[in-house]
């Protein structure tokens, strides 16, 4: 069964037809050609496909597309303030080496954005707790934690 949904994607109003059984990851990749969120586990446990849905981190690999109707969605593609400028989280992940292959990085950054929006000055323990749903096989988590701490300082100024 097909259904029309409307949502805002990175500040732009969208109206598309989706199949009821498709995930929002299917929509992002196949219909909208977004490449930031990545499907890895297909179970909602690794965090690589994370986007912000109404400012909350959501695994798009388990979100059925019709449930995105009427929401505001932000992906890594819409995070930077302009094409010439990075978001402080993106800068901090680069500065701290908070990535290697980069496959999980968009989901990490989007989850970290939700954390810093909710808690602009998190402790290391709070960062670890909030980020526990995002897995990385390549980088040590120390760099990721330092990147989030750096971004928190950058975003205060």
N, C-alpha and C. Protein backbone atom coordinates (compact mmCIF):
# COMPACT_ATOMS: atom_id res chain seq x y z
N UNK A 1 0.84 -1.17 0.00
CA UNK A 1 0.00 0.00 0.00
C UNK A 1 0.90 1.25 0.00
N UNK A 2 0.55 2.22 -0.80
CA UNK A 2 1.29 3.47 -0.87
C UNK A 2 0.54 4.56 -0.13
N UNK A 3 1.32 5.53 0.33
CA UNK A 3 0.74 6.61 1.12
C UNK A 3 1.60 7.86 0.94
N UNK A 4 0.96 9.01 0.88
CA UNK A 4 1.71 10.26 0.79
C UNK A 4 2.04 10.75 2.20
N UNK A 5 3.28 11.16 2.39
CA UNK A 5 3.67 11.76 3.67
C UNK A 5 4.31 13.12 3.40
N UNK A 6 4.21 13.97 4.40
CA UNK A 6 4.82 15.31 4.35
C UNK A 6 5.71 15.46 5.58
N UNK A 7 6.85 16.06 5.38
CA UNK A 7 7.78 16.29 6.49
C UNK A 7 8.74 17.39 6.07
N UNK A 8 9.49 17.89 7.02
CA UNK A 8 10.53 18.86 6.73
C UNK A 8 11.86 18.12 6.84
N UNK A 9 12.68 18.23 5.81
CA UNK A 9 13.99 17.58 5.78
C UNK A 9 15.06 18.66 5.64
N UNK A 10 15.84 18.82 6.70
CA UNK A 10 16.92 19.82 6.71
C UNK A 10 16.41 21.21 6.31
N UNK A 11 15.22 21.53 6.84
CA UNK A 11 14.65 22.86 6.61
C UNK A 11 13.80 22.99 5.36
N UNK A 12 13.71 21.95 4.56
CA UNK A 12 12.95 22.00 3.32
C UNK A 12 11.71 21.12 3.41
N UNK A 13 10.55 21.70 3.09
CA UNK A 13 9.30 20.94 3.10
C UNK A 13 9.35 19.89 2.00
N UNK A 14 8.96 18.65 2.35
CA UNK A 14 8.95 17.56 1.38
C UNK A 14 7.60 16.88 1.40
N UNK A 15 7.20 16.39 0.24
CA UNK A 15 5.98 15.60 0.09
C UNK A 15 6.33 14.46 -0.86
N UNK A 16 6.24 13.23 -0.36
CA UNK A 16 6.59 12.08 -1.19
C UNK A 16 5.60 10.95 -0.94
N UNK A 17 5.57 10.04 -1.86
CA UNK A 17 4.75 8.84 -1.72
C UNK A 17 5.67 7.70 -1.29
N UNK A 18 5.25 7.00 -0.25
CA UNK A 18 6.04 5.90 0.29
C UNK A 18 5.19 4.64 0.36
N UNK A 19 5.85 3.52 0.43
CA UNK A 19 5.16 2.25 0.67
C UNK A 19 5.10 2.06 2.18
N UNK A 20 4.00 1.58 2.66
CA UNK A 20 3.76 1.45 4.11
C UNK A 20 4.80 0.58 4.81
N UNK A 21 5.36 -0.39 4.13
CA UNK A 21 6.30 -1.32 4.77
C UNK A 21 7.77 -0.88 4.64
N UNK A 22 8.03 0.22 3.93
CA UNK A 22 9.41 0.68 3.78
C UNK A 22 9.85 1.44 5.02
N UNK A 23 11.13 1.32 5.30
CA UNK A 23 11.69 2.09 6.41
C UNK A 23 12.05 3.49 5.91
N UNK A 24 12.25 4.37 6.88
CA UNK A 24 12.65 5.72 6.48
C UNK A 24 14.07 5.70 5.90
N UNK A 25 14.88 4.72 6.26
CA UNK A 25 16.20 4.56 5.64
C UNK A 25 16.04 4.30 4.15
N UNK A 26 15.07 3.44 3.79
CA UNK A 26 14.79 3.19 2.37
C UNK A 26 14.45 4.49 1.66
N UNK A 27 13.62 5.30 2.28
CA UNK A 27 13.21 6.58 1.70
C UNK A 27 14.41 7.51 1.56
N UNK A 28 15.21 7.62 2.61
CA UNK A 28 16.37 8.51 2.56
C UNK A 28 17.32 8.13 1.43
N UNK A 29 17.64 6.86 1.33
CA UNK A 29 18.61 6.43 0.32
C UNK A 29 18.01 6.34 -1.08
N UNK A 30 16.89 5.67 -1.21
CA UNK A 30 16.37 5.36 -2.54
C UNK A 30 15.55 6.47 -3.18
N UNK A 31 14.78 7.21 -2.37
CA UNK A 31 13.95 8.26 -2.95
C UNK A 31 14.60 9.64 -2.85
N UNK A 32 15.28 9.90 -1.75
CA UNK A 32 15.82 11.23 -1.53
C UNK A 32 17.32 11.32 -1.80
N UNK A 33 17.94 10.19 -2.07
CA UNK A 33 19.37 10.12 -2.42
C UNK A 33 20.28 10.71 -1.36
N UNK A 34 19.91 10.55 -0.09
CA UNK A 34 20.74 11.00 1.03
C UNK A 34 21.73 9.89 1.34
N UNK A 35 22.99 10.25 1.51
CA UNK A 35 24.01 9.23 1.75
C UNK A 35 24.65 9.32 3.14
N UNK A 36 24.28 10.31 3.94
CA UNK A 36 24.86 10.45 5.27
C UNK A 36 24.48 9.31 6.20
N UNK A 37 23.21 9.14 6.51
CA UNK A 37 22.80 8.02 7.37
C UNK A 37 23.10 6.70 6.65
N UNK A 38 23.68 5.76 7.38
CA UNK A 38 24.07 4.49 6.78
C UNK A 38 23.38 3.33 7.47
N UNK A 39 22.88 2.40 6.67
CA UNK A 39 22.29 1.20 7.28
C UNK A 39 23.38 0.16 7.47
N UNK A 40 23.53 -0.27 8.70
CA UNK A 40 24.54 -1.27 9.03
C UNK A 40 23.86 -2.51 9.61
N UNK A 41 23.18 -2.34 10.75
CA UNK A 41 22.64 -3.50 11.45
C UNK A 41 21.22 -3.86 11.00
N UNK A 42 20.44 -2.87 10.60
CA UNK A 42 19.05 -3.13 10.23
C UNK A 42 18.15 -3.45 11.41
N UNK A 43 18.69 -3.28 12.62
CA UNK A 43 17.94 -3.61 13.84
C UNK A 43 17.79 -2.43 14.79
N UNK A 44 18.37 -1.30 14.46
CA UNK A 44 18.28 -0.13 15.33
C UNK A 44 19.20 -0.16 16.52
N UNK A 45 20.29 -0.93 16.45
CA UNK A 45 21.17 -1.03 17.62
C UNK A 45 22.56 -0.44 17.40
N UNK A 46 22.95 -0.11 16.18
CA UNK A 46 24.33 0.36 15.97
C UNK A 46 24.44 1.88 15.89
N UNK A 47 23.37 2.57 15.53
CA UNK A 47 23.38 4.03 15.49
C UNK A 47 23.87 4.66 14.20
N UNK A 48 24.35 3.89 13.24
CA UNK A 48 24.91 4.47 12.02
C UNK A 48 23.86 5.20 11.18
N UNK A 49 22.60 4.83 11.32
CA UNK A 49 21.54 5.43 10.51
C UNK A 49 20.79 6.54 11.25
N UNK A 50 21.35 7.01 12.35
CA UNK A 50 20.66 7.98 13.20
C UNK A 50 20.47 9.33 12.52
N UNK A 51 19.26 9.84 12.62
CA UNK A 51 18.92 11.21 12.24
C UNK A 51 18.17 11.81 13.43
N UNK A 52 17.94 13.11 13.38
CA UNK A 52 17.13 13.74 14.41
C UNK A 52 15.72 13.90 13.88
N UNK A 53 14.77 13.33 14.57
CA UNK A 53 13.37 13.43 14.23
C UNK A 53 12.73 14.25 15.35
N UNK A 54 12.28 15.44 15.02
CA UNK A 54 11.78 16.37 16.02
C UNK A 54 12.80 16.53 17.15
N UNK A 55 14.06 16.67 16.75
CA UNK A 55 15.21 16.93 17.64
C UNK A 55 15.60 15.75 18.52
N UNK A 56 15.08 14.57 18.26
CA UNK A 56 15.43 13.38 19.04
C UNK A 56 16.11 12.37 18.12
N UNK A 57 17.16 11.70 18.58
CA UNK A 57 17.84 10.72 17.73
C UNK A 57 16.96 9.49 17.49
N UNK A 58 16.90 9.09 16.22
CA UNK A 58 16.06 7.96 15.82
C UNK A 58 16.83 7.11 14.82
N UNK A 59 16.74 5.81 14.97
CA UNK A 59 17.34 4.86 14.02
C UNK A 59 16.38 4.71 12.85
N UNK A 60 16.79 5.19 11.70
CA UNK A 60 15.91 5.16 10.53
C UNK A 60 15.73 3.77 9.94
N UNK A 61 16.60 2.83 10.31
CA UNK A 61 16.48 1.48 9.76
C UNK A 61 15.30 0.72 10.34
N UNK A 62 14.74 1.20 11.45
CA UNK A 62 13.58 0.55 12.05
C UNK A 62 12.35 1.47 12.11
N UNK A 63 12.50 2.68 11.62
CA UNK A 63 11.37 3.62 11.57
C UNK A 63 10.61 3.42 10.27
N UNK A 64 9.38 2.97 10.37
CA UNK A 64 8.58 2.82 9.16
C UNK A 64 8.30 4.20 8.57
N UNK A 65 8.44 4.31 7.27
CA UNK A 65 8.34 5.60 6.59
C UNK A 65 7.07 6.38 6.93
N UNK A 66 5.89 5.76 7.00
CA UNK A 66 4.69 6.55 7.32
C UNK A 66 4.76 7.27 8.66
N UNK A 67 5.58 6.78 9.59
CA UNK A 67 5.69 7.43 10.90
C UNK A 67 6.48 8.74 10.85
N UNK A 68 7.09 9.02 9.72
CA UNK A 68 7.81 10.30 9.55
C UNK A 68 6.85 11.41 9.13
N UNK A 69 5.62 11.07 8.84
CA UNK A 69 4.64 12.07 8.40
C UNK A 69 4.47 13.15 9.46
N UNK A 70 4.59 14.41 9.03
CA UNK A 70 4.38 15.54 9.92
C UNK A 70 5.55 15.88 10.83
N UNK A 71 6.70 15.28 10.60
CA UNK A 71 7.84 15.51 11.49
C UNK A 71 8.86 16.47 10.87
N UNK A 72 9.80 16.86 11.71
CA UNK A 72 10.94 17.67 11.28
C UNK A 72 12.17 16.78 11.40
N UNK A 73 12.85 16.56 10.28
CA UNK A 73 13.98 15.63 10.26
C UNK A 73 15.24 16.39 9.87
N UNK A 74 16.30 16.11 10.62
CA UNK A 74 17.60 16.68 10.28
C UNK A 74 18.59 15.55 10.13
N UNK A 75 19.32 15.56 9.01
CA UNK A 75 20.38 14.60 8.75
C UNK A 75 21.72 15.33 8.81
N UNK A 76 22.78 14.59 8.75
CA UNK A 76 24.12 15.17 8.75
C UNK A 76 24.28 16.17 7.60
N UNK A 77 23.59 15.93 6.49
CA UNK A 77 23.68 16.84 5.34
C UNK A 77 23.16 18.23 5.66
N UNK A 78 22.28 18.35 6.65
CA UNK A 78 21.70 19.64 6.99
C UNK A 78 22.27 20.25 8.26
N UNK A 79 23.35 19.68 8.78
CA UNK A 79 23.87 20.13 10.07
C UNK A 79 24.71 21.40 9.97
N UNK A 80 25.57 21.48 8.98
CA UNK A 80 26.46 22.63 8.85
C UNK A 80 25.67 23.90 8.54
N UNK A 81 26.10 25.04 9.10
CA UNK A 81 25.37 26.28 8.85
C UNK A 81 25.41 26.74 7.39
N UNK A 82 26.46 26.36 6.65
CA UNK A 82 26.57 26.72 5.23
C UNK A 82 27.52 25.74 4.55
N UNK A 83 27.62 25.86 3.24
CA UNK A 83 28.53 24.98 2.50
C UNK A 83 29.99 25.29 2.81
N UNK A 84 30.26 26.51 3.30
CA UNK A 84 31.63 26.94 3.59
C UNK A 84 32.02 26.78 5.05
N UNK A 85 31.12 26.28 5.86
CA UNK A 85 31.35 26.24 7.31
C UNK A 85 30.85 24.92 7.88
N UNK A 86 31.63 24.36 8.80
CA UNK A 86 31.22 23.13 9.47
C UNK A 86 30.53 23.45 10.79
N UNK A 87 29.72 22.54 11.25
CA UNK A 87 29.14 22.63 12.58
C UNK A 87 30.27 22.34 13.58
N UNK A 88 30.23 22.92 14.79
CA UNK A 88 31.27 22.64 15.78
C UNK A 88 31.50 21.15 16.04
N UNK A 89 30.46 20.34 15.99
CA UNK A 89 30.67 18.89 16.16
C UNK A 89 31.48 18.30 15.03
N UNK A 90 31.22 18.73 13.81
CA UNK A 90 32.00 18.24 12.68
C UNK A 90 33.46 18.65 12.82
N UNK A 91 33.68 19.91 13.19
CA UNK A 91 35.05 20.40 13.40
C UNK A 91 35.75 19.61 14.49
N UNK A 92 35.06 19.38 15.60
CA UNK A 92 35.66 18.69 16.74
C UNK A 92 35.99 17.24 16.40
N UNK A 93 35.13 16.56 15.66
CA UNK A 93 35.42 15.18 15.28
C UNK A 93 36.67 15.13 14.40
N UNK A 94 36.86 16.13 13.55
CA UNK A 94 38.07 16.20 12.73
C UNK A 94 39.28 16.49 13.62
N UNK A 95 39.16 17.51 14.46
CA UNK A 95 40.28 17.91 15.34
C UNK A 95 40.74 16.78 16.24
N UNK A 96 39.80 16.02 16.79
CA UNK A 96 40.12 14.99 17.77
C UNK A 96 40.34 13.60 17.15
N UNK A 97 40.18 13.49 15.84
CA UNK A 97 40.33 12.18 15.20
C UNK A 97 39.25 11.22 15.64
N UNK A 98 38.03 11.72 15.78
CA UNK A 98 36.91 10.92 16.26
C UNK A 98 36.29 10.05 15.18
N UNK A 99 37.06 9.64 14.22
CA UNK A 99 36.58 8.76 13.15
C UNK A 99 37.78 8.13 12.46
N UNK A 100 37.54 7.03 11.78
CA UNK A 100 38.56 6.46 10.89
C UNK A 100 37.92 6.21 9.54
N UNK A 101 37.12 5.17 9.44
CA UNK A 101 36.51 4.91 8.13
C UNK A 101 35.38 5.90 7.86
N UNK A 102 34.76 6.43 8.91
CA UNK A 102 33.70 7.43 8.75
C UNK A 102 32.31 6.85 8.58
N UNK A 103 32.18 5.56 8.54
CA UNK A 103 30.87 4.96 8.28
C UNK A 103 29.86 5.28 9.37
N UNK A 104 30.29 5.26 10.63
CA UNK A 104 29.37 5.51 11.74
C UNK A 104 29.31 6.98 12.12
N UNK A 105 30.22 7.79 11.58
CA UNK A 105 30.38 9.18 12.02
C UNK A 105 29.11 10.02 11.89
N UNK A 106 28.37 9.98 10.78
CA UNK A 106 27.15 10.80 10.72
C UNK A 106 26.17 10.50 11.86
N UNK A 107 25.97 9.23 12.16
CA UNK A 107 25.08 8.86 13.26
C UNK A 107 25.62 9.30 14.60
N UNK A 108 26.92 9.18 14.79
CA UNK A 108 27.57 9.65 16.03
C UNK A 108 27.35 11.15 16.21
N UNK A 109 27.60 11.90 15.16
CA UNK A 109 27.48 13.35 15.25
C UNK A 109 26.04 13.77 15.50
N UNK A 110 25.09 13.13 14.85
CA UNK A 110 23.69 13.51 15.05
C UNK A 110 23.23 13.17 16.47
N UNK A 111 23.67 12.04 17.00
CA UNK A 111 23.34 11.70 18.38
C UNK A 111 23.99 12.68 19.34
N UNK A 112 25.24 13.03 19.07
CA UNK A 112 25.95 13.99 19.92
C UNK A 112 25.26 15.36 19.87
N UNK A 113 24.72 15.73 18.72
CA UNK A 113 23.99 17.00 18.62
C UNK A 113 22.78 16.98 19.53
N UNK A 114 22.04 15.89 19.52
CA UNK A 114 20.87 15.77 20.40
C UNK A 114 21.30 15.88 21.86
N UNK A 115 22.41 15.26 22.20
CA UNK A 115 22.91 15.34 23.57
C UNK A 115 23.23 16.78 23.94
N UNK A 116 24.00 17.47 23.10
CA UNK A 116 24.41 18.84 23.43
C UNK A 116 23.24 19.82 23.40
N UNK A 117 22.23 19.54 22.60
CA UNK A 117 21.03 20.38 22.62
C UNK A 117 20.29 20.21 23.95
N UNK A 118 20.29 19.00 24.46
CA UNK A 118 19.61 18.68 25.72
C UNK A 118 20.45 19.07 26.94
N UNK A 119 21.75 18.87 26.82
CA UNK A 119 22.67 19.09 27.94
C UNK A 119 23.95 19.73 27.39
N UNK A 120 24.04 21.06 27.40
CA UNK A 120 25.18 21.74 26.78
C UNK A 120 26.52 21.53 27.49
N UNK A 121 26.51 20.97 28.68
CA UNK A 121 27.76 20.77 29.42
C UNK A 121 27.78 19.38 30.07
N UNK A 122 27.77 18.32 29.24
CA UNK A 122 27.69 16.98 29.81
C UNK A 122 29.02 16.52 30.42
N UNK A 123 28.91 15.69 31.43
CA UNK A 123 30.10 15.06 32.00
C UNK A 123 30.51 13.91 31.08
N UNK A 124 31.67 13.38 31.32
CA UNK A 124 32.13 12.23 30.53
C UNK A 124 31.16 11.06 30.70
N UNK A 125 30.71 10.85 31.91
CA UNK A 125 29.77 9.76 32.19
C UNK A 125 28.46 9.97 31.42
N UNK A 126 27.97 11.20 31.38
CA UNK A 126 26.73 11.50 30.65
C UNK A 126 26.91 11.30 29.15
N UNK A 127 28.08 11.66 28.64
CA UNK A 127 28.36 11.45 27.21
C UNK A 127 28.33 9.95 26.91
N UNK A 128 29.03 9.18 27.72
CA UNK A 128 29.07 7.73 27.51
C UNK A 128 27.68 7.11 27.53
N UNK A 129 26.86 7.52 28.48
CA UNK A 129 25.51 6.99 28.61
C UNK A 129 24.65 7.35 27.38
N UNK A 130 24.70 8.61 26.97
CA UNK A 130 23.87 9.06 25.86
C UNK A 130 24.30 8.42 24.54
N UNK A 131 25.60 8.19 24.39
CA UNK A 131 26.14 7.68 23.13
C UNK A 131 26.19 6.16 23.06
N UNK A 132 25.71 5.47 24.08
CA UNK A 132 25.88 4.02 24.13
C UNK A 132 25.17 3.27 23.01
N UNK A 133 24.24 3.89 22.33
CA UNK A 133 23.56 3.25 21.21
C UNK A 133 24.27 3.44 19.88
N UNK A 134 25.43 4.07 19.89
CA UNK A 134 26.21 4.28 18.67
C UNK A 134 27.50 3.49 18.77
N UNK A 135 27.68 2.58 17.84
CA UNK A 135 28.84 1.70 17.86
C UNK A 135 29.84 2.08 16.77
N UNK A 136 31.12 1.92 17.08
CA UNK A 136 32.19 2.19 16.13
C UNK A 136 33.17 1.03 16.19
N UNK A 137 33.55 0.51 15.05
CA UNK A 137 34.49 -0.60 15.00
C UNK A 137 35.92 -0.15 14.76
N UNK A 138 36.12 1.11 14.39
CA UNK A 138 37.45 1.55 13.95
C UNK A 138 38.18 2.43 14.94
N UNK A 139 37.48 3.34 15.56
CA UNK A 139 38.12 4.36 16.38
C UNK A 139 37.93 4.03 17.85
N UNK A 140 38.86 4.48 18.64
CA UNK A 140 38.70 4.38 20.09
C UNK A 140 37.64 5.39 20.50
N UNK A 141 36.86 5.05 21.46
CA UNK A 141 35.81 5.96 21.92
C UNK A 141 36.38 7.18 22.64
N UNK A 142 37.64 7.12 23.06
CA UNK A 142 38.25 8.27 23.73
C UNK A 142 38.24 9.50 22.82
N UNK A 143 38.54 9.32 21.54
CA UNK A 143 38.55 10.44 20.61
C UNK A 143 37.14 11.00 20.40
N UNK A 144 36.18 10.12 20.37
CA UNK A 144 34.79 10.55 20.18
C UNK A 144 34.33 11.35 21.40
N UNK A 145 34.64 10.88 22.58
CA UNK A 145 34.27 11.60 23.80
C UNK A 145 34.96 12.97 23.82
N UNK A 146 36.24 13.00 23.50
CA UNK A 146 36.97 14.28 23.47
C UNK A 146 36.37 15.23 22.43
N UNK A 147 35.96 14.69 21.30
CA UNK A 147 35.34 15.53 20.27
C UNK A 147 34.04 16.15 20.78
N UNK A 148 33.23 15.38 21.47
CA UNK A 148 31.97 15.91 22.02
C UNK A 148 32.26 16.96 23.09
N UNK A 149 33.26 16.72 23.91
CA UNK A 149 33.64 17.71 24.93
C UNK A 149 34.14 19.00 24.28
N UNK A 150 34.95 18.86 23.23
CA UNK A 150 35.43 20.05 22.52
C UNK A 150 34.29 20.81 21.89
N UNK A 151 33.37 20.11 21.24
CA UNK A 151 32.23 20.76 20.61
C UNK A 151 31.37 21.49 21.64
N UNK A 152 31.20 20.89 22.81
CA UNK A 152 30.41 21.54 23.87
C UNK A 152 31.04 22.88 24.23
N UNK A 153 32.36 22.91 24.35
CA UNK A 153 33.05 24.18 24.65
C UNK A 153 32.90 25.17 23.51
N UNK A 154 33.04 24.69 22.28
CA UNK A 154 32.93 25.57 21.10
C UNK A 154 31.54 26.16 20.99
N UNK A 155 30.52 25.39 21.33
CA UNK A 155 29.15 25.84 21.17
C UNK A 155 28.73 26.83 22.25
N UNK A 156 29.50 26.89 23.35
CA UNK A 156 29.20 27.85 24.41
C UNK A 156 29.63 29.26 24.03
N UNK A 157 30.66 29.36 23.19
CA UNK A 157 31.20 30.69 22.85
C UNK A 157 30.51 31.33 21.70
